[in-house]
Protein backbone atom coordinates (compact mmCIF):
# COMPACT_ATOMS: atom_id res chain seq x y z
CA MET A 1 -5.04 2.05 8.29
CA ALA A 2 -4.77 5.82 8.44
CA ASN A 3 -5.36 7.95 5.38
CA LEU A 4 -2.24 9.31 3.73
CA TYR A 5 -1.96 12.77 2.21
CA LYS A 6 0.49 14.43 -0.15
CA VAL A 7 1.49 17.76 1.33
CA LYS A 8 3.67 20.64 0.20
CA THR A 9 5.86 22.34 2.79
CA ALA A 10 5.55 26.10 3.20
CA ALA A 11 8.81 26.45 5.14
CA VAL A 12 11.78 24.33 6.12
CA PHE A 13 10.03 21.40 7.78
CA ASN A 14 11.61 18.25 9.26
CA GLY A 15 14.83 19.05 7.44
CA GLN A 16 13.07 19.31 4.08
CA PRO A 17 13.33 22.57 2.11
CA ALA A 18 10.31 24.76 1.41
CA GLY A 19 8.23 23.47 -1.49
CA SER A 20 9.03 19.80 -0.87
CA ILE A 21 6.26 17.26 -1.36
CA LEU A 22 5.87 14.71 1.44
CA GLU A 23 3.48 11.87 2.25
CA VAL A 24 2.12 12.04 5.80
CA ASP A 25 -0.83 10.64 7.73
CA GLU A 26 -4.08 12.55 8.12
CA LYS A 27 -3.66 13.65 11.74
CA PHE A 28 -0.16 15.04 11.10
CA ALA A 29 -1.28 16.80 7.91
CA ARG A 30 -4.33 18.43 9.51
CA LYS A 31 -2.35 19.61 12.54
CA TYR A 32 0.44 21.30 10.61
CA GLU A 33 -1.88 22.65 7.92
CA ALA A 34 -3.72 24.53 10.67
CA LEU A 35 -0.37 26.02 11.74
CA LYS A 36 0.34 27.02 8.09
CA TYR A 37 3.48 24.85 7.86
CA LEU A 38 1.97 22.53 5.22
CA GLU A 39 -0.52 22.69 2.39
CA ILE A 40 -2.52 19.53 1.63
CA ILE A 41 -2.34 18.73 -2.07
CA GLU A 42 -4.29 15.48 -2.32
CA GLU A 43 -5.39 12.35 -0.49
CA ILE A 44 -3.61 9.16 -1.48
CA LYS A 45 -6.03 6.31 -2.16
CA PRO A 46 -4.87 2.90 -0.91
CA LYS A 47 -4.09 0.45 -3.69
CA LEU A 48 -6.12 -2.74 -3.81
CA LYS A 49 -4.03 -5.80 -3.20
CA VAL A 50 -4.61 -8.84 -5.37
CA ASP A 51 -5.38 -11.79 -3.17
CA GLU A 52 -3.38 -14.84 -4.21
CA LYS A 53 -5.91 -17.11 -2.50
CA GLY A 54 -8.63 -15.81 -4.79
CA LYS A 55 -7.07 -17.54 -7.76
CA SER A 56 -8.13 -21.12 -8.29
CA ALA A 57 -5.52 -23.82 -7.98
CA PRO A 58 -5.00 -26.36 -10.77
CA LYS A 59 -7.47 -29.19 -10.49
CA LYS A 60 -6.21 -32.54 -9.28
CA SER A 61 -7.53 -35.73 -10.77
CA ALA A 62 -9.95 -37.69 -8.62
CA THR A 63 -8.36 -41.06 -9.36
CA LYS A 64 -5.08 -42.17 -7.96
CA PRO A 65 -2.43 -43.32 -10.41
CA LYS A 66 -1.89 -47.08 -10.38
CA PRO A 67 1.38 -48.12 -8.76
CA LYS A 68 3.85 -49.69 -11.13
CA SER A 69 4.20 -53.39 -10.56
CA LYS A 70 7.65 -54.86 -10.36
CA GLU A 71 8.25 -57.22 -13.24
CA LYS A 72 10.99 -59.79 -12.98
């Protein structure tokens, strides 16, 4: 996964007015920052995802329930 950066545009860029804040990948941000079209504000840290499998499932009983006998 590529690093994402928040950048501020210095001119009209991709249809966005000057001063807009965008989220772009690292390669794009570095390229256009070198050309003075963008200014990198900060790097966006990826959020940790909570793994559903990490939670324990409810315990099942080890014994089987007795089948109900038919009474006549």
